[in-house]
Amino acid sequence: MSLKRTNVYADPEDLAIIKEAARRRGVSEAEIIRQGIHLAAMAHRVWDEPLFSRTFEGPGRTLDRGDVREAVADAVHRETKPGTDT
C-alpha cells in the first residue's frame, strides 16, 4: 500500500485517546489515525449507483417502506413456492 503524507490539526483530548488506544492495541498512533481516516472516508462516500440497483427490479425511483415489504414478500414467496427453480 502506498501512503501519502499529510498534516492535520487535532484536539489534544483526541490525541490522548488515540495514544491510549494505540498503546492498548499494540499498534502505532499513525495506524489508529489511518483507520479513523478510512472510516470517515467510507462514511461520506457517494456510490455511483444505488445499493440494490442490480438486485431488485423496480420502478426507477426510491422505494418506500411498503414497496420494499412487497418486494421482499414476493421474493420469499418465489423462494418457498414448490416446484420453482431459483
N, C-alpha and C. Protein backbone atom coordinates (compact mmCIF):
# COMPACT_ATOMS: atom_id res chain seq x y z
N MET A 1 0.85 -1.17 0.00
CA MET A 1 0.00 0.00 0.00
C MET A 1 0.89 1.24 0.00
N SER A 2 0.63 2.13 -0.90
CA SER A 2 1.38 3.38 -0.98
C SER A 2 0.66 4.43 -0.13
N LEU A 3 1.41 5.10 0.72
CA LEU A 3 0.83 6.10 1.60
C LEU A 3 1.33 7.48 1.21
N LYS A 4 0.51 8.50 1.48
CA LYS A 4 0.88 9.87 1.21
C LYS A 4 0.83 10.65 2.51
N ARG A 5 1.83 11.44 2.74
CA ARG A 5 1.92 12.22 3.98
C ARG A 5 1.01 13.43 3.91
N THR A 6 0.36 13.73 5.05
CA THR A 6 -0.46 14.93 5.16
C THR A 6 -0.40 15.41 6.61
N ASN A 7 -0.73 16.65 6.82
CA ASN A 7 -0.76 17.22 8.17
C ASN A 7 -2.18 17.58 8.53
N VAL A 8 -2.56 17.30 9.76
CA VAL A 8 -3.88 17.66 10.26
C VAL A 8 -3.72 18.25 11.66
N TYR A 9 -4.68 19.06 12.05
CA TYR A 9 -4.73 19.59 13.41
C TYR A 9 -5.76 18.78 14.18
N ALA A 10 -5.44 18.42 15.42
CA ALA A 10 -6.35 17.62 16.23
C ALA A 10 -6.39 18.19 17.65
N ASP A 11 -7.52 17.99 18.30
CA ASP A 11 -7.66 18.41 19.70
C ASP A 11 -6.73 17.58 20.58
N PRO A 12 -6.13 18.18 21.57
CA PRO A 12 -5.25 17.43 22.47
C PRO A 12 -5.97 16.25 23.15
N GLU A 13 -7.25 16.42 23.46
CA GLU A 13 -8.01 15.33 24.08
C GLU A 13 -8.13 14.14 23.13
N ASP A 14 -8.37 14.41 21.85
CA ASP A 14 -8.47 13.33 20.86
C ASP A 14 -7.12 12.63 20.71
N LEU A 15 -6.05 13.40 20.71
CA LEU A 15 -4.71 12.80 20.59
C LEU A 15 -4.39 11.91 21.78
N ALA A 16 -4.85 12.31 22.97
CA ALA A 16 -4.63 11.48 24.16
C ALA A 16 -5.40 10.17 24.04
N ILE A 17 -6.61 10.22 23.51
CA ILE A 17 -7.41 9.00 23.31
C ILE A 17 -6.73 8.09 22.29
N ILE A 18 -6.23 8.70 21.22
CA ILE A 18 -5.53 7.92 20.18
C ILE A 18 -4.29 7.26 20.77
N LYS A 19 -3.53 8.00 21.55
CA LYS A 19 -2.31 7.46 22.18
C LYS A 19 -2.67 6.26 23.06
N GLU A 20 -3.71 6.38 23.86
CA GLU A 20 -4.12 5.29 24.75
C GLU A 20 -4.61 4.08 23.96
N ALA A 21 -5.40 4.32 22.92
CA ALA A 21 -5.90 3.23 22.09
C ALA A 21 -4.76 2.49 21.40
N ALA A 22 -3.79 3.23 20.92
CA ALA A 22 -2.63 2.62 20.26
C ALA A 22 -1.85 1.77 21.25
N ARG A 23 -1.65 2.27 22.45
CA ARG A 23 -0.93 1.53 23.48
C ARG A 23 -1.65 0.22 23.82
N ARG A 24 -2.97 0.32 24.04
CA ARG A 24 -3.76 -0.87 24.39
C ARG A 24 -3.75 -1.92 23.29
N ARG A 25 -3.82 -1.48 22.05
CA ARG A 25 -3.88 -2.41 20.92
C ARG A 25 -2.51 -2.85 20.43
N GLY A 26 -1.48 -2.18 20.87
CA GLY A 26 -0.14 -2.55 20.45
C GLY A 26 0.16 -2.16 19.01
N VAL A 27 -0.41 -1.05 18.57
CA VAL A 27 -0.16 -0.54 17.22
C VAL A 27 0.30 0.91 17.34
N SER A 28 0.73 1.47 16.23
CA SER A 28 1.19 2.85 16.26
C SER A 28 -0.01 3.82 16.29
N GLU A 29 0.26 5.02 16.77
CA GLU A 29 -0.77 6.06 16.74
C GLU A 29 -1.16 6.36 15.29
N ALA A 30 -0.19 6.30 14.39
CA ALA A 30 -0.47 6.55 12.98
C ALA A 30 -1.47 5.54 12.44
N GLU A 31 -1.37 4.28 12.89
CA GLU A 31 -2.31 3.26 12.42
C GLU A 31 -3.72 3.57 12.89
N ILE A 32 -3.87 4.00 14.12
CA ILE A 32 -5.19 4.39 14.64
C ILE A 32 -5.74 5.55 13.81
N ILE A 33 -4.91 6.52 13.51
CA ILE A 33 -5.34 7.68 12.72
C ILE A 33 -5.71 7.25 11.30
N ARG A 34 -4.91 6.38 10.68
CA ARG A 34 -5.24 5.88 9.33
C ARG A 34 -6.59 5.17 9.32
N GLN A 35 -6.83 4.35 10.34
CA GLN A 35 -8.11 3.65 10.42
C GLN A 35 -9.26 4.63 10.57
N GLY A 36 -9.06 5.66 11.38
CA GLY A 36 -10.09 6.69 11.55
C GLY A 36 -10.37 7.44 10.26
N ILE A 37 -9.33 7.76 9.52
CA ILE A 37 -9.49 8.44 8.24
C ILE A 37 -10.27 7.55 7.28
N HIS A 38 -9.92 6.27 7.24
CA HIS A 38 -10.62 5.34 6.35
C HIS A 38 -12.10 5.25 6.71
N LEU A 39 -12.41 5.12 7.99
CA LEU A 39 -13.81 5.04 8.41
C LEU A 39 -14.58 6.31 8.04
N ALA A 40 -13.95 7.46 8.24
CA ALA A 40 -14.60 8.73 7.90
C ALA A 40 -14.81 8.84 6.39
N ALA A 41 -13.81 8.43 5.62
CA ALA A 41 -13.93 8.49 4.16
C ALA A 41 -15.06 7.59 3.67
N MET A 42 -15.14 6.38 4.21
CA MET A 42 -16.19 5.45 3.79
C MET A 42 -17.58 5.93 4.21
N ALA A 43 -17.66 6.58 5.36
CA ALA A 43 -18.94 7.09 5.85
C ALA A 43 -19.48 8.19 4.96
N HIS A 44 -18.59 8.91 4.28
CA HIS A 44 -19.02 10.03 3.45
C HIS A 44 -18.94 9.73 1.95
N ARG A 45 -18.65 8.50 1.62
CA ARG A 45 -18.52 8.12 0.21
C ARG A 45 -19.87 8.17 -0.49
N VAL A 46 -19.87 8.63 -1.71
CA VAL A 46 -21.07 8.64 -2.54
C VAL A 46 -20.88 7.57 -3.61
N TRP A 47 -21.77 6.61 -3.63
CA TRP A 47 -21.66 5.49 -4.57
C TRP A 47 -22.23 5.89 -5.92
N ASP A 48 -21.71 5.28 -6.98
CA ASP A 48 -22.14 5.60 -8.34
C ASP A 48 -23.55 5.09 -8.64
N GLU A 49 -23.97 4.05 -7.94
CA GLU A 49 -25.31 3.51 -8.18
C GLU A 49 -25.91 3.07 -6.85
N PRO A 50 -27.23 3.00 -6.79
CA PRO A 50 -27.88 2.56 -5.55
C PRO A 50 -27.45 1.14 -5.19
N LEU A 51 -27.51 0.83 -3.91
CA LEU A 51 -27.07 -0.46 -3.42
C LEU A 51 -27.81 -1.62 -4.06
N PHE A 52 -29.09 -1.49 -4.27
CA PHE A 52 -29.89 -2.61 -4.77
C PHE A 52 -30.25 -2.47 -6.24
N SER A 53 -29.57 -1.64 -7.00
CA SER A 53 -29.97 -1.39 -8.38
C SER A 53 -29.89 -2.64 -9.24
N ARG A 54 -29.01 -3.57 -8.93
CA ARG A 54 -28.88 -4.77 -9.75
C ARG A 54 -29.56 -5.98 -9.11
N THR A 55 -30.10 -5.82 -7.93
CA THR A 55 -30.70 -6.94 -7.21
C THR A 55 -32.21 -6.99 -7.42
N PHE A 56 -32.87 -5.86 -7.35
CA PHE A 56 -34.32 -5.82 -7.47
C PHE A 56 -34.73 -5.03 -8.70
N GLU A 57 -35.72 -5.54 -9.38
CA GLU A 57 -36.33 -4.73 -10.43
C GLU A 57 -37.24 -3.75 -9.73
N GLY A 58 -37.33 -2.56 -10.26
CA GLY A 58 -38.15 -1.57 -9.58
C GLY A 58 -38.64 -0.51 -10.52
N PRO A 59 -39.36 0.45 -9.97
CA PRO A 59 -39.98 1.49 -10.78
C PRO A 59 -39.04 2.62 -11.18
N GLY A 60 -37.75 2.55 -10.83
CA GLY A 60 -36.82 3.61 -11.18
C GLY A 60 -36.86 4.78 -10.24
N ARG A 61 -37.36 4.55 -9.05
CA ARG A 61 -37.40 5.59 -8.02
C ARG A 61 -37.07 4.93 -6.68
N THR A 62 -36.80 5.75 -5.69
CA THR A 62 -36.54 5.21 -4.37
C THR A 62 -37.81 4.58 -3.83
N LEU A 63 -37.69 3.35 -3.39
CA LEU A 63 -38.86 2.63 -2.89
C LEU A 63 -39.21 3.09 -1.48
N ASP A 64 -40.52 3.14 -1.19
CA ASP A 64 -40.93 3.43 0.17
C ASP A 64 -41.04 2.13 0.95
N ARG A 65 -41.33 2.21 2.21
CA ARG A 65 -41.37 1.04 3.08
C ARG A 65 -42.34 -0.03 2.57
N GLY A 66 -43.49 0.38 2.12
CA GLY A 66 -44.48 -0.57 1.60
C GLY A 66 -43.98 -1.29 0.36
N ASP A 67 -43.32 -0.55 -0.54
CA ASP A 67 -42.76 -1.16 -1.75
C ASP A 67 -41.70 -2.21 -1.40
N VAL A 68 -40.85 -1.89 -0.41
CA VAL A 68 -39.79 -2.82 -0.01
C VAL A 68 -40.41 -4.07 0.60
N ARG A 69 -41.38 -3.89 1.47
CA ARG A 69 -42.03 -5.05 2.09
C ARG A 69 -42.69 -5.93 1.04
N GLU A 70 -43.34 -5.32 0.07
CA GLU A 70 -43.98 -6.08 -1.00
C GLU A 70 -42.94 -6.85 -1.83
N ALA A 71 -41.83 -6.20 -2.16
CA ALA A 71 -40.78 -6.86 -2.95
C ALA A 71 -40.19 -8.03 -2.18
N VAL A 72 -39.97 -7.84 -0.88
CA VAL A 72 -39.42 -8.93 -0.07
C VAL A 72 -40.42 -10.07 0.04
N ALA A 73 -41.68 -9.74 0.26
CA ALA A 73 -42.71 -10.79 0.35
C ALA A 73 -42.80 -11.56 -0.96
N ASP A 74 -42.73 -10.88 -2.09
CA ASP A 74 -42.76 -11.56 -3.39
C ASP A 74 -41.55 -12.47 -3.56
N ALA A 75 -40.38 -12.00 -3.15
CA ALA A 75 -39.17 -12.80 -3.27
C ALA A 75 -39.24 -14.03 -2.38
N VAL A 76 -39.73 -13.87 -1.16
CA VAL A 76 -39.88 -15.01 -0.24
C VAL A 76 -40.88 -16.00 -0.81
N HIS A 77 -41.96 -15.50 -1.35
CA HIS A 77 -42.99 -16.38 -1.94
C HIS A 77 -42.40 -17.18 -3.10
N ARG A 78 -41.61 -16.52 -3.95
CA ARG A 78 -40.98 -17.22 -5.07
C ARG A 78 -40.00 -18.29 -4.58
N GLU A 79 -39.25 -17.97 -3.52
CA GLU A 79 -38.25 -18.90 -2.98
C GLU A 79 -38.89 -20.11 -2.32
N THR A 80 -40.06 -19.94 -1.73
CA THR A 80 -40.67 -21.03 -0.97
C THR A 80 -41.78 -21.74 -1.74
N LYS A 81 -42.10 -21.27 -2.93
CA LYS A 81 -43.14 -21.90 -3.72
C LYS A 81 -42.65 -23.23 -4.29
N PRO A 82 -43.37 -24.33 -4.02
CA PRO A 82 -42.94 -25.64 -4.51
C PRO A 82 -42.86 -25.68 -6.03
N GLY A 83 -41.82 -26.38 -6.53
CA GLY A 83 -41.68 -26.58 -7.97
C GLY A 83 -41.04 -25.43 -8.74
N THR A 84 -40.51 -24.45 -8.01
CA THR A 84 -39.86 -23.34 -8.72
C THR A 84 -38.35 -23.48 -8.60
N ASP A 85 -37.64 -23.11 -9.64
CA ASP A 85 -36.18 -23.12 -9.61
C ASP A 85 -35.69 -21.73 -9.34
N THR A 86 -34.71 -21.62 -8.45
CA THR A 86 -34.12 -20.29 -8.17
C THR A 86 -32.64 -20.35 -8.29
